[in-house]
Amino acid sequence: MPHSGLMDNRDSFEKEEGALLRARLHIRGGKRRLRQGKISAGIVTLYDALLFALRWYVASPERRKAISAGAEDDLKDERTVIALLRRSKVPASDFDYAAFDALVDKASEEDMPEYDYSRMLRDFETFMTVLGVMPFDEAELPPEDPATF
């Protein structure tokens, strides 16, 4: 994975800044994989970025308040967080989580070398921008090992 050796894996689950770092590392790695023609791997990597972007988003009490998250809401479930974001009208993008989730399922099962990912990536990046995960300066991330898958 794009974060391997670049961060403490526990931090991505336990710390707000760790989740953000992992999301950004996976955005960088997912986009690189897409450019390299490793389409399925790139899509799955972007999905991991989405999961940790959502984890980062709800880690902040201020952002949780903005989406009216209640004690009964399972904030570790991406579908719940997406629903809260939509209900709160936070995402002002065309990001279609259900379509992205179906694409991830397909990418997990098969190679997709001919898939035109441009619209998916544009919608994904717009959503990451709305959340506040993008833009970011890649120079501020730990250097990537180009030998990683």
C-alpha atoms as a PDB file:
ATOM      1  CA  MET A   1       0.000   0.000   0.000  1.00  0.00           C
ATOM      2  CA  PRO A   2       1.165   3.561  -0.648  1.00  0.00           C
ATOM      3  CA  HIS A   3       1.602   4.271   3.068  1.00  0.00           C
ATOM      4  CA  SER A   4       3.806   1.231   3.703  1.00  0.00           C
ATOM      5  CA  GLY A   5       6.916   2.329   5.528  1.00  0.00           C
ATOM      6  CA  LEU A   6       5.946   6.008   5.306  1.00  0.00           C
ATOM      7  CA  MET A   7       3.825   6.218   8.450  1.00  0.00           C
ATOM      8  CA  ASP A   8       2.753   4.336  11.532  1.00  0.00           C
ATOM      9  CA  ASN A   9      -0.284   2.333  10.425  1.00  0.00           C
ATOM     10  CA  ARG A  10      -1.896   2.670  13.881  1.00  0.00           C
ATOM     11  CA  ASP A  11      -1.860   6.449  13.529  1.00  0.00           C
ATOM     12  CA  SER A  12      -4.253   6.241  10.575  1.00  0.00           C
ATOM     13  CA  PHE A  13      -6.808   4.533  12.798  1.00  0.00           C
ATOM     14  CA  GLU A  14      -6.173   6.413  16.040  1.00  0.00           C
ATOM     15  CA  LYS A  15      -5.190   9.978  15.118  1.00  0.00           C
ATOM     16  CA  GLU A  16      -6.891  12.609  13.021  1.00  0.00           C
ATOM     17  CA  GLU A  17      -3.644  13.664  11.350  1.00  0.00           C
ATOM     18  CA  GLY A  18      -2.748   9.996  10.721  1.00  0.00           C
ATOM     19  CA  ALA A  19      -6.005   9.415   8.849  1.00  0.00           C
ATOM     20  CA  LEU A  20      -5.400  12.551   6.766  1.00  0.00           C
ATOM     21  CA  LEU A  21      -1.841  11.524   5.938  1.00  0.00           C
ATOM     22  CA  ARG A  22      -2.954   8.048   4.882  1.00  0.00           C
ATOM     23  CA  ALA A  23      -5.740   9.491   2.724  1.00  0.00           C
ATOM     24  CA  ARG A  24      -3.290  11.812   0.980  1.00  0.00           C
ATOM     25  CA  LEU A  25      -0.658   9.109   0.501  1.00  0.00           C
ATOM     26  CA  HIS A  26      -3.303   6.881  -1.072  1.00  0.00           C
ATOM     27  CA  ILE A  27      -4.564   9.668  -3.311  1.00  0.00           C
ATOM     28  CA  ARG A  28      -1.018  10.200  -4.559  1.00  0.00           C
ATOM     29  CA  GLY A  29      -0.415   6.453  -4.952  1.00  0.00           C
ATOM     30  CA  GLY A  30      -3.813   5.777  -6.535  1.00  0.00           C
ATOM     31  CA  LYS A  31      -3.337   8.503  -9.125  1.00  0.00           C
ATOM     32  CA  ARG A  32       0.163   7.195  -9.913  1.00  0.00           C
ATOM     33  CA  ARG A  33      -1.213   3.690 -10.417  1.00  0.00           C
ATOM     34  CA  LEU A  34      -3.917   5.010 -12.726  1.00  0.00           C
ATOM     35  CA  ARG A  35      -1.297   6.878 -14.803  1.00  0.00           C
ATOM     36  CA  GLN A  36       0.788   3.685 -14.973  1.00  0.00           C
ATOM     37  CA  GLY A  37      -2.164   1.766 -16.404  1.00  0.00           C
ATOM     38  CA  LYS A  38      -2.741  -0.206 -13.200  1.00  0.00           C
ATOM     39  CA  ILE A  39      -6.372   0.854 -13.296  1.00  0.00           C
ATOM     40  CA  SER A  40      -7.912  -1.680 -10.915  1.00  0.00           C
ATOM     41  CA  ALA A  41      -5.164  -1.166  -8.334  1.00  0.00           C
ATOM     42  CA  GLY A  42      -5.521   2.602  -8.659  1.00  0.00           C
ATOM     43  CA  ILE A  43      -9.283   2.488  -8.088  1.00  0.00           C
ATOM     44  CA  VAL A  44      -8.936   0.257  -5.029  1.00  0.00           C
ATOM     45  CA  THR A  45      -6.217   2.550  -3.655  1.00  0.00           C
ATOM     46  CA  LEU A  46      -8.463   5.591  -4.107  1.00  0.00           C
ATOM     47  CA  TYR A  47     -11.188   3.731  -2.227  1.00  0.00           C
ATOM     48  CA  ASP A  48      -8.845   3.342   0.738  1.00  0.00           C
ATOM     49  CA  ALA A  49      -8.124   7.072   0.453  1.00  0.00           C
ATOM     50  CA  LEU A  50     -11.860   7.756   0.604  1.00  0.00           C
ATOM     51  CA  LEU A  51     -12.286   5.611   3.724  1.00  0.00           C
ATOM     52  CA  PHE A  52      -9.518   7.442   5.562  1.00  0.00           C
ATOM     53  CA  ALA A  53     -10.664  10.843   4.298  1.00  0.00           C
ATOM     54  CA  LEU A  54     -14.053  10.109   5.856  1.00  0.00           C
ATOM     55  CA  ARG A  55     -12.397   8.848   9.041  1.00  0.00           C
ATOM     56  CA  TRP A  56     -10.400  12.096   9.184  1.00  0.00           C
ATOM     57  CA  TYR A  57     -13.513  14.182   8.537  1.00  0.00           C
ATOM     58  CA  VAL A  58     -15.502  12.716  11.429  1.00  0.00           C
ATOM     59  CA  ALA A  59     -12.512  12.736  13.799  1.00  0.00           C
ATOM     60  CA  SER A  60     -13.022  16.461  14.336  1.00  0.00           C
ATOM     61  CA  PRO A  61     -15.770  17.408  16.820  1.00  0.00           C
ATOM     62  CA  GLU A  62     -16.362  20.584  14.805  1.00  0.00           C
ATOM     63  CA  ARG A  63     -16.898  18.700  11.536  1.00  0.00           C
ATOM     64  CA  ARG A  64     -19.037  16.034  13.275  1.00  0.00           C
ATOM     65  CA  LYS A  65     -21.233  18.836  14.576  1.00  0.00           C
ATOM     66  CA  ALA A  66     -21.546  20.301  11.078  1.00  0.00           C
ATOM     67  CA  ILE A  67     -23.043  17.035   9.814  1.00  0.00           C
ATOM     68  CA  SER A  68     -25.258  16.593  12.897  1.00  0.00           C
ATOM     69  CA  ALA A  69     -23.733  13.226  13.766  1.00  0.00           C
ATOM     70  CA  GLY A  70     -25.512  11.627  16.691  1.00  0.00           C
ATOM     71  CA  ALA A  71     -24.404   9.073  19.246  1.00  0.00           C
ATOM     72  CA  GLU A  72     -26.372   6.414  17.358  1.00  0.00           C
ATOM     73  CA  ASP A  73     -24.509   7.031  14.081  1.00  0.00           C
ATOM     74  CA  ASP A  74     -21.781   4.512  13.223  1.00  0.00           C
ATOM     75  CA  LEU A  75     -19.072   6.884  12.050  1.00  0.00           C
ATOM     76  CA  LYS A  76     -16.776   3.993  11.123  1.00  0.00           C
ATOM     77  CA  ASP A  77     -19.227   3.013   8.374  1.00  0.00           C
ATOM     78  CA  GLU A  78     -18.605   4.977   5.192  1.00  0.00           C
ATOM     79  CA  ARG A  79     -22.211   4.652   4.029  1.00  0.00           C
ATOM     80  CA  THR A  80     -23.398   6.283   7.261  1.00  0.00           C
ATOM     81  CA  VAL A  81     -20.913   9.137   6.918  1.00  0.00           C
ATOM     82  CA  ILE A  82     -21.801   9.674   3.243  1.00  0.00           C
ATOM     83  CA  ALA A  83     -25.511   9.789   4.203  1.00  0.00           C
ATOM     84  CA  LEU A  84     -24.780  12.325   6.961  1.00  0.00           C
ATOM     85  CA  LEU A  85     -22.782  14.464   4.540  1.00  0.00           C
ATOM     86  CA  ARG A  86     -25.590  14.387   1.967  1.00  0.00           C
ATOM     87  CA  ARG A  87     -28.265  15.117   4.548  1.00  0.00           C
ATOM     88  CA  SER A  88     -26.211  18.063   5.790  1.00  0.00           C
ATOM     89  CA  LYS A  89     -25.623  19.193   2.206  1.00  0.00           C
ATOM     90  CA  VAL A  90     -21.865  19.224   2.765  1.00  0.00           C
ATOM     91  CA  PRO A  91     -20.741  17.691  -0.530  1.00  0.00           C
ATOM     92  CA  ALA A  92     -21.475  20.074  -3.367  1.00  0.00           C
ATOM     93  CA  SER A  93     -20.195  17.670  -5.997  1.00  0.00           C
ATOM     94  CA  ASP A  94     -21.475  15.052  -8.384  1.00  0.00           C
ATOM     95  CA  PHE A  95     -19.704  12.288  -6.457  1.00  0.00           C
ATOM     96  CA  ASP A  96     -21.848   9.174  -6.658  1.00  0.00           C
ATOM     97  CA  TYR A  97     -20.729   6.921  -3.823  1.00  0.00           C
ATOM     98  CA  ALA A  98     -22.919   3.996  -4.924  1.00  0.00           C
ATOM     99  CA  ALA A  99     -21.406   4.033  -8.422  1.00  0.00           C
ATOM    100  CA  PHE A 100     -17.896   4.357  -6.997  1.00  0.00           C
ATOM    101  CA  ASP A 101     -18.522   1.472  -4.595  1.00  0.00           C
ATOM    102  CA  ALA A 102     -19.750  -0.721  -7.474  1.00  0.00           C
ATOM    103  CA  LEU A 103     -16.664   0.244  -9.495  1.00  0.00           C
ATOM    104  CA  VAL A 104     -14.423  -0.714  -6.570  1.00  0.00           C
ATOM    105  CA  ASP A 105     -16.161  -4.099  -6.346  1.00  0.00           C
ATOM    106  CA  LYS A 106     -15.540  -4.667 -10.053  1.00  0.00           C
ATOM    107  CA  ALA A 107     -11.916  -3.498  -9.779  1.00  0.00           C
ATOM    108  CA  SER A 108     -11.401  -5.907  -6.873  1.00  0.00           C
ATOM    109  CA  GLU A 109     -12.486  -8.809  -9.052  1.00  0.00           C
ATOM    110  CA  GLU A 110     -10.954  -8.063 -12.433  1.00  0.00           C
ATOM    111  CA  ASP A 111      -8.323  -6.129 -14.297  1.00  0.00           C
ATOM    112  CA  MET A 112      -9.748  -3.099 -16.101  1.00  0.00           C
ATOM    113  CA  PRO A 113      -6.996  -1.846 -18.436  1.00  0.00           C
ATOM    114  CA  GLU A 114      -9.426  -0.210 -20.894  1.00  0.00           C
ATOM    115  CA  TYR A 115     -11.516   1.643 -18.281  1.00  0.00           C
ATOM    116  CA  ASP A 116     -11.597   5.421 -18.836  1.00  0.00           C
ATOM    117  CA  TYR A 117     -11.143   6.697 -15.290  1.00  0.00           C
ATOM    118  CA  SER A 118     -11.086  10.430 -16.097  1.00  0.00           C
ATOM    119  CA  ARG A 119     -14.647  11.262 -14.976  1.00  0.00           C
ATOM    120  CA  MET A 120     -14.414   9.073 -11.875  1.00  0.00           C
ATOM    121  CA  LEU A 121     -11.138  10.736 -10.887  1.00  0.00           C
ATOM    122  CA  ARG A 122     -12.528  14.224 -11.497  1.00  0.00           C
ATOM    123  CA  ASP A 123     -15.581  13.487  -9.316  1.00  0.00           C
ATOM    124  CA  PHE A 124     -13.398  11.859  -6.650  1.00  0.00           C
ATOM    125  CA  GLU A 125     -11.025  14.843  -6.540  1.00  0.00           C
ATOM    126  CA  THR A 126     -13.948  17.265  -6.318  1.00  0.00           C
ATOM    127  CA  PHE A 127     -15.335  15.316  -3.370  1.00  0.00           C
ATOM    128  CA  MET A 128     -11.923  15.232  -1.659  1.00  0.00           C
ATOM    129  CA  THR A 129     -11.698  19.004  -2.164  1.00  0.00           C
ATOM    130  CA  VAL A 130     -15.137  19.543  -0.622  1.00  0.00           C
ATOM    131  CA  LEU A 131     -14.078  17.454   2.385  1.00  0.00           C
ATOM    132  CA  GLY A 132     -10.870  19.487   2.755  1.00  0.00           C
ATOM    133  CA  VAL A 133      -8.461  16.627   2.019  1.00  0.00           C
ATOM    134  CA  MET A 134      -7.379  18.182  -1.276  1.00  0.00           C
ATOM    135  CA  PRO A 135      -5.573  20.138  -2.487  1.00  0.00           C
ATOM    136  CA  PHE A 136      -2.321  19.354  -0.777  1.00  0.00           C
ATOM    137  CA  ASP A 137       1.344  19.845  -1.518  1.00  0.00           C
ATOM    138  CA  GLU A 138       2.843  16.476  -2.414  1.00  0.00           C
ATOM    139  CA  ALA A 139       6.258  17.836  -1.421  1.00  0.00           C
ATOM    140  CA  GLU A 140       5.025  17.875   2.191  1.00  0.00           C
ATOM    141  CA  LEU A 141       4.341  14.114   2.079  1.00  0.00           C
ATOM    142  CA  PRO A 142       7.031  11.559   2.816  1.00  0.00           C
ATOM    143  CA  PRO A 143       8.874  10.706  -0.413  1.00  0.00           C
ATOM    144  CA  GLU A 144       7.279   7.905  -2.387  1.00  0.00           C
ATOM    145  CA  ASP A 145       9.229   4.795  -3.294  1.00  0.00           C
ATOM    146  CA  PRO A 146       8.619   4.431  -7.039  1.00  0.00           C
ATOM    147  CA  ALA A 147       9.325   0.699  -6.735  1.00  0.00           C
ATOM    148  CA  THR A 148       6.116   0.140  -4.763  1.00  0.00           C
ATOM    149  CA  PHE A 149       3.417  -1.536  -6.791  1.00  0.00           C
END
